[in-house]
C-alpha atoms as a PDB file:
ATOM      1  CA  MET A   1      45.413  60.045 -41.412  1.00  0.00           C
ATOM      2  CA  GLN A   2      47.160  62.057 -44.475  1.00  0.00           C
ATOM      3  CA  ILE A   3      50.843  63.682 -44.051  1.00  0.00           C
ATOM      4  CA  ASP A   4      51.680  66.118 -47.247  1.00  0.00           C
ATOM      5  CA  LEU A   5      53.911  64.224 -49.392  1.00  0.00           C
ATOM      6  CA  ASP A   6      55.986  66.783 -50.197  1.00  0.00           C
ATOM      7  CA  ILE A   7      57.123  66.838 -46.305  1.00  0.00           C
ATOM      8  CA  LEU A   8      57.211  62.558 -46.416  1.00  0.00           C
ATOM      9  CA  PHE A   9      59.568  62.749 -49.561  1.00  0.00           C
ATOM     10  CA  THR A  10      61.260  65.536 -48.198  1.00  0.00           C
ATOM     11  CA  TRP A  11      62.427  62.714 -44.951  1.00  0.00           C
ATOM     12  CA  GLY A  12      63.067  60.095 -47.698  1.00  0.00           C
ATOM     13  CA  ALA A  13      59.617  58.286 -47.719  1.00  0.00           C
ATOM     14  CA  ILE A  14      60.136  55.409 -50.731  1.00  0.00           C
ATOM     15  CA  ALA A  15      56.858  54.901 -52.892  1.00  0.00           C
ATOM     16  CA  LYS A  16      55.715  50.745 -53.583  1.00  0.00           C
ATOM     17  CA  VAL A  17      53.401  49.585 -55.952  1.00  0.00           C
ATOM     18  CA  TYR A  18      51.693  46.448 -54.464  1.00  0.00           C
ATOM     19  CA  LYS A  19      50.101  43.770 -56.409  1.00  0.00           C
ATOM     20  CA  LYS A  20      46.350  42.629 -55.252  1.00  0.00           C
ATOM     21  CA  ASN A  21      46.759  40.229 -52.234  1.00  0.00           C
ATOM     22  CA  GLU A  22      50.533  41.312 -51.541  1.00  0.00           C
ATOM     23  CA  THR A  23      50.924  41.274 -47.902  1.00  0.00           C
ATOM     24  CA  VAL A  24      52.279  44.575 -47.091  1.00  0.00           C
ATOM     25  CA  PHE A  25      53.517  43.428 -43.550  1.00  0.00           C
ATOM     26  CA  PHE A  26      52.454  40.494 -41.330  1.00  0.00           C
ATOM     27  CA  GLU A  27      50.717  40.196 -38.124  1.00  0.00           C
ATOM     28  CA  ASP A  28      53.495  39.671 -34.950  1.00  0.00           C
ATOM     29  CA  GLU A  29      56.268  41.292 -37.428  1.00  0.00           C
ATOM     30  CA  MET A  30      57.608  44.213 -35.645  1.00  0.00           C
ATOM     31  CA  ALA A  31      56.702  47.912 -36.662  1.00  0.00           C
ATOM     32  CA  ASN A  32      59.254  49.888 -38.250  1.00  0.00           C
ATOM     33  CA  PHE A  33      57.389  52.048 -41.103  1.00  0.00           C
ATOM     34  CA  TYR A  34      54.698  54.273 -41.641  1.00  0.00           C
ATOM     35  CA  TYR A  35      52.198  53.736 -44.453  1.00  0.00           C
ATOM     36  CA  GLN A  36      49.914  55.786 -46.610  1.00  0.00           C
ATOM     37  CA  ILE A  37      48.024  54.909 -49.389  1.00  0.00           C
ATOM     38  CA  ILE A  38      48.343  56.993 -52.381  1.00  0.00           C
ATOM     39  CA  GLU A  39      45.916  54.825 -54.764  1.00  0.00           C
ATOM     40  CA  GLY A  40      44.772  51.818 -54.098  1.00  0.00           C
ATOM     41  CA  SER A  41      42.972  50.624 -51.068  1.00  0.00           C
ATOM     42  CA  VAL A  42      44.475  48.056 -47.575  1.00  0.00           C
ATOM     43  CA  LYS A  43      42.591  45.594 -45.414  1.00  0.00           C
ATOM     44  CA  MET A  44      44.568  44.997 -42.125  1.00  0.00           C
ATOM     45  CA  PHE A  45      42.768  41.264 -40.693  1.00  0.00           C
ATOM     46  CA  ASN A  46      43.668  38.354 -38.516  1.00  0.00           C
ATOM     47  CA  SER A  47      42.878  35.285 -39.619  1.00  0.00           C
ATOM     48  CA  ASN A  48      42.425  31.873 -37.312  1.00  0.00           C
ATOM     49  CA  ASP A  49      44.287  28.338 -37.816  1.00  0.00           C
ATOM     50  CA  GLU A  50      41.717  27.758 -39.432  1.00  0.00           C
ATOM     51  CA  GLY A  51      41.875  29.974 -42.223  1.00  0.00           C
ATOM     52  CA  LYS A  52      38.623  31.860 -40.993  1.00  0.00           C
ATOM     53  CA  GLU A  53      39.342  35.772 -41.066  1.00  0.00           C
ATOM     54  CA  PHE A  54      38.317  38.621 -39.074  1.00  0.00           C
ATOM     55  CA  THR A  55      39.071  42.152 -40.813  1.00  0.00           C
ATOM     56  CA  GLN A  56      40.274  45.154 -38.461  1.00  0.00           C
ATOM     57  CA  GLY A  57      40.081  47.763 -41.041  1.00  0.00           C
ATOM     58  CA  TYR A  58      39.609  48.872 -44.537  1.00  0.00           C
ATOM     59  CA  PHE A  59      42.399  52.062 -45.601  1.00  0.00           C
ATOM     60  CA  SER A  60      41.976  53.782 -48.722  1.00  0.00           C
ATOM     61  CA  ASN A  61      43.464  56.590 -51.269  1.00  0.00           C
ATOM     62  CA  GLY A  62      44.955  59.249 -48.814  1.00  0.00           C
ATOM     63  CA  GLN A  63      44.826  56.850 -45.612  1.00  0.00           C
ATOM     64  CA  SER A  64      47.290  55.613 -43.220  1.00  0.00           C
ATOM     65  CA  PHE A  65      47.471  52.401 -41.751  1.00  0.00           C
ATOM     66  CA  GLY A  66      49.693  50.515 -39.241  1.00  0.00           C
ATOM     67  CA  GLU A  67      50.520  53.751 -36.841  1.00  0.00           C
ATOM     68  CA  PRO A  68      49.865  53.260 -32.568  1.00  0.00           C
ATOM     69  CA  PRO A  69      52.976  50.202 -32.467  1.00  0.00           C
ATOM     70  CA  LEU A  70      55.301  53.296 -34.333  1.00  0.00           C
ATOM     71  CA  PHE A  71      54.678  55.296 -30.636  1.00  0.00           C
ATOM     72  CA  ILE A  72      54.957  52.202 -28.191  1.00  0.00           C
ATOM     73  CA  ASP A  73      57.619  50.088 -29.959  1.00  0.00           C
ATOM     74  CA  GLU A  74      55.077  47.254 -29.973  1.00  0.00           C
ATOM     75  CA  THR A  75      54.454  44.829 -33.268  1.00  0.00           C
ATOM     76  CA  TYR A  76      51.755  45.286 -36.032  1.00  0.00           C
ATOM     77  CA  PRO A  77      48.348  43.356 -34.380  1.00  0.00           C
ATOM     78  CA  ALA A  78      46.458  42.597 -37.419  1.00  0.00           C
ATOM     79  CA  THR A  79      48.091  41.881 -41.535  1.00  0.00           C
ATOM     80  CA  ALA A  80      48.266  44.492 -43.569  1.00  0.00           C
ATOM     81  CA  LEU A  81      46.938  43.305 -47.177  1.00  0.00           C
ATOM     82  CA  ALA A  82      46.929  45.269 -50.649  1.00  0.00           C
ATOM     83  CA  PHE A  83      43.330  44.902 -51.755  1.00  0.00           C
ATOM     84  CA  GLN A  84      43.726  46.347 -54.898  1.00  0.00           C
ATOM     85  CA  GLU A  85      46.969  47.025 -57.196  1.00  0.00           C
ATOM     86  CA  SER A  86      47.919  49.592 -54.455  1.00  0.00           C
ATOM     87  CA  LYS A  87      51.049  52.524 -54.189  1.00  0.00           C
ATOM     88  CA  ILE A  88      52.211  53.415 -51.133  1.00  0.00           C
ATOM     89  CA  ILE A  89      54.342  55.120 -49.832  1.00  0.00           C
ATOM     90  CA  LYS A  90      56.687  53.947 -46.368  1.00  0.00           C
ATOM     91  CA  LEU A  91      58.378  55.756 -44.170  1.00  0.00           C
ATOM     92  CA  SER A  92      60.801  54.509 -41.481  1.00  0.00           C
ATOM     93  CA  LYS A  93      59.762  55.271 -37.626  1.00  0.00           C
ATOM     94  CA  ASP A  94      62.799  57.320 -36.973  1.00  0.00           C
ATOM     95  CA  LYS A  95      61.953  59.346 -39.525  1.00  0.00           C
ATOM     96  CA  PHE A  96      58.138  59.435 -38.832  1.00  0.00           C
ATOM     97  CA  LEU A  97      58.783  60.112 -35.577  1.00  0.00           C
ATOM     98  CA  LYS A  98      60.261  63.565 -36.318  1.00  0.00           C
ATOM     99  CA  ILE A  99      58.026  64.894 -38.485  1.00  0.00           C
ATOM    100  CA  MET A 100      55.623  64.522 -35.554  1.00  0.00           C
ATOM    101  CA  ASP A 101      58.040  66.535 -33.604  1.00  0.00           C
ATOM    102  CA  GLU A 102      59.016  68.651 -36.167  1.00  0.00           C
ATOM    103  CA  TYR A 103      55.423  69.269 -37.289  1.00  0.00           C
ATOM    104  CA  PRO A 104      52.603  69.988 -34.207  1.00  0.00           C
ATOM    105  CA  GLN A 105      49.994  71.089 -36.592  1.00  0.00           C
ATOM    106  CA  ILE A 106      50.719  67.126 -38.199  1.00  0.00           C
ATOM    107  CA  GLN A 107      50.641  65.956 -35.182  1.00  0.00           C
ATOM    108  CA  LYS A 108      47.660  67.036 -33.723  1.00  0.00           C
ATOM    109  CA  LYS A 109      45.664  66.122 -36.418  1.00  0.00           C
ATOM    110  CA  PHE A 110      47.263  62.353 -36.287  1.00  0.00           C
ATOM    111  CA  LEU A 111      45.784  62.314 -32.613  1.00  0.00           C
ATOM    112  CA  LYS A 112      42.889  63.035 -33.205  1.00  0.00           C
ATOM    113  CA  THR A 113      42.216  60.167 -36.467  1.00  0.00           C
ATOM    114  CA  LEU A 114      43.353  58.225 -33.001  1.00  0.00           C
ATOM    115  CA  ALA A 115      40.990  59.431 -31.555  1.00  0.00           C
ATOM    116  CA  SER A 116      38.489  58.667 -34.100  1.00  0.00           C
ATOM    117  CA  ARG A 117      39.731  54.851 -34.785  1.00  0.00           C
ATOM    118  CA  ILE A 118      40.046  53.826 -31.162  1.00  0.00           C
ATOM    119  CA  HIS A 119      36.355  55.818 -30.779  1.00  0.00           C
ATOM    120  CA  SER A 120      35.378  53.370 -33.487  1.00  0.00           C
ATOM    121  CA  LYS A 121      36.850  50.256 -32.758  1.00  0.00           C
ATOM    122  CA  ALA A 122      34.696  50.674 -29.458  1.00  0.00           C
ATOM    123  CA  ASN A 123      31.928  50.966 -31.452  1.00  0.00           C
ATOM    124  CA  THR A 124      32.504  48.204 -33.528  1.00  0.00           C
ATOM    125  CA  ALA A 125      33.470  45.749 -30.421  1.00  0.00           C
ATOM    126  CA  LYS A 126      29.930  46.880 -29.407  1.00  0.00           C
ATOM    127  CA  ASP A 127      28.575  45.535 -31.924  1.00  0.00           C
ATOM    128  CA  ILE A 128      29.718  42.420 -32.403  1.00  0.00           C
ATOM    129  CA  ILE A 129      28.588  40.877 -28.753  1.00  0.00           C
ATOM    130  CA  ASN A 130      25.226  42.436 -30.620  1.00  0.00           C
ATOM    131  CA  GLN A 131      24.195  38.790 -30.679  1.00  0.00           C
ATOM    132  CA  LYS A 132      21.542  40.180 -33.630  1.00  0.00           C
ATOM    133  CA  PRO A 133      22.878  38.894 -37.115  1.00  0.00           C
ATOM    134  CA  GLU A 134      21.130  42.125 -38.492  1.00  0.00           C
ATOM    135  CA  PHE A 135      22.219  44.540 -36.356  1.00  0.00           C
ATOM    136  CA  ARG A 136      26.137  43.951 -36.735  1.00  0.00           C
ATOM    137  CA  VAL A 137      24.993  43.821 -40.251  1.00  0.00           C
ATOM    138  CA  LEU A 138      23.656  47.305 -40.594  1.00  0.00           C
ATOM    139  CA  SER A 139      25.414  48.741 -38.062  1.00  0.00           C
ATOM    140  CA  PHE A 140      28.641  48.021 -40.692  1.00  0.00           C
ATOM    141  CA  LEU A 141      26.721  49.239 -43.177  1.00  0.00           C
ATOM    142  CA  ASN A 142      25.592  52.516 -41.623  1.00  0.00           C
ATOM    143  CA  SER A 143      29.525  52.887 -41.120  1.00  0.00           C
ATOM    144  CA  ILE A 144      30.120  52.841 -44.861  1.00  0.00           C
ATOM    145  CA  LYS A 145      26.846  55.119 -45.123  1.00  0.00           C
ATOM    146  CA  LYS A 146      29.106  57.945 -42.817  1.00  0.00           C
ATOM    147  CA  THR A 147      31.684  58.619 -45.301  1.00  0.00           C
ATOM    148  CA  SER A 148      28.363  59.456 -48.115  1.00  0.00           C
ATOM    149  CA  GLU A 149      27.205  62.859 -48.890  1.00  0.00           C
ATOM    150  CA  THR A 150      24.224  61.518 -50.325  1.00  0.00           C
ATOM    151  CA  ASN A 151      21.522  59.942 -48.719  1.00  0.00           C
ATOM    152  CA  GLN A 152      20.650  58.139 -51.454  1.00  0.00           C
ATOM    153  CA  LYS A 153      21.250  54.261 -51.487  1.00  0.00           C
ATOM    154  CA  GLU A 154      24.852  53.271 -53.457  1.00  0.00           C
ATOM    155  CA  LEU A 155      26.263  50.180 -54.066  1.00  0.00           C
ATOM    156  CA  VAL A 156      28.359  48.618 -51.463  1.00  0.00           C
ATOM    157  CA  PRO A 157      31.503  47.989 -52.459  1.00  0.00           C
ATOM    158  CA  PHE A 158      32.023  44.296 -50.564  1.00  0.00           C
ATOM    159  CA  THR A 159      31.657  41.253 -51.051  1.00  0.00           C
ATOM    160  CA  ARG A 160      29.490  38.927 -49.147  1.00  0.00           C
ATOM    161  CA  GLN A 161      32.672  36.997 -48.010  1.00  0.00           C
ATOM    162  CA  GLU A 162      34.139  40.384 -47.032  1.00  0.00           C
ATOM    163  CA  ILE A 163      31.498  41.922 -44.629  1.00  0.00           C
ATOM    164  CA  ALA A 164      31.037  38.496 -42.838  1.00  0.00           C
ATOM    165  CA  ASN A 165      34.730  39.170 -42.305  1.00  0.00           C
ATOM    166  CA  PHE A 166      34.728  42.465 -40.694  1.00  0.00           C
ATOM    167  CA  THR A 167      31.019  41.356 -38.818  1.00  0.00           C
ATOM    168  CA  GLY A 168      32.323  38.118 -37.911  1.00  0.00           C
ATOM    169  CA  LEU A 169      29.577  36.350 -39.464  1.00  0.00           C
ATOM    170  CA  ARG A 170      29.921  33.481 -41.475  1.00  0.00           C
ATOM    171  CA  VAL A 171      28.555  34.031 -44.723  1.00  0.00           C
ATOM    172  CA  GLU A 172      25.610  32.357 -45.239  1.00  0.00           C
ATOM    173  CA  THR A 173      24.649  34.016 -42.469  1.00  0.00           C
ATOM    174  CA  VAL A 174      25.470  37.291 -44.451  1.00  0.00           C
ATOM    175  CA  ILE A 175      23.474  36.477 -47.185  1.00  0.00           C
ATOM    176  CA  ARG A 176      20.572  35.635 -44.977  1.00  0.00           C
ATOM    177  CA  VAL A 177      19.953  38.852 -43.292  1.00  0.00           C
ATOM    178  CA  PHE A 178      20.595  40.684 -46.802  1.00  0.00           C
ATOM    179  CA  SER A 179      17.324  38.329 -47.627  1.00  0.00           C
ATOM    180  CA  LYS A 180      15.710  39.660 -45.266  1.00  0.00           C
ATOM    181  CA  LEU A 181      16.851  43.384 -45.553  1.00  0.00           C
ATOM    182  CA  LYS A 182      15.336  43.256 -49.263  1.00  0.00           C
ATOM    183  CA  THR A 183      12.073  42.354 -48.004  1.00  0.00           C
ATOM    184  CA  CYS A 184      12.228  44.976 -45.948  1.00  0.00           C
ATOM    185  CA  LYS A 185      13.211  47.259 -47.937  1.00  0.00           C
ATOM    186  CA  LYS A 186      15.958  48.395 -46.340  1.00  0.00           C
ATOM    187  CA  VAL A 187      18.720  46.979 -49.333  1.00  0.00           C
ATOM    188  CA  ASP A 188      18.301  46.820 -53.170  1.00  0.00           C
ATOM    189  CA  ILE A 189      19.505  43.689 -54.489  1.00  0.00           C
ATOM    190  CA  ILE A 190      20.655  44.291 -58.521  1.00  0.00           C
ATOM    191  CA  LYS A 191      21.885  41.827 -60.207  1.00  0.00           C
ATOM    192  CA  HIS A 192      23.486  40.386 -57.378  1.00  0.00           C
ATOM    193  CA  LYS A 193      24.862  43.846 -56.296  1.00  0.00           C
ATOM    194  CA  ILE A 194      24.213  45.187 -53.154  1.00  0.00           C
ATOM    195  CA  TYR A 195      22.670  48.702 -52.557  1.00  0.00           C
ATOM    196  CA  TYR A 196      22.529  50.611 -48.977  1.00  0.00           C
END
């Protein structure tokens, strides 16, 4: 979801630059702000005591993130980290909710965005239940491909470790899966880069 920058700044938003790997907010921190990326990218993830990560989502230019708990007075369910240097807008929760009241068309777009995310999460959960690693990786690749406007193979913008974090697999398993996918010509691997 993208709210017009003029509206956000009119309502008192500020823009802040986050360095690569800088935390925007932590899991279990009270949700008090609306965030929208001007440029850059953010990943939201959970990690366990052993340091294993599971990536909940990846957001880039123009997208907002971390909004659901704003509506229900809850904490953030995941940590948000700048995936690269990023310029991000931050607006207080109360002003964000006033924008929702003041602009019904923004509220309607927002509802569609949330419904789309819920639908995507349900599909992801279904894919994670499937025990076949090839299915999980292909499902992840297909979700990336949905945003593409071409049927040609394109560079996958994630490392094997990041794909493991998204799919809940071990990196060694992901590497084996890509070897199999290359053999059956579903992916190309050129100079260690994956194309799908």
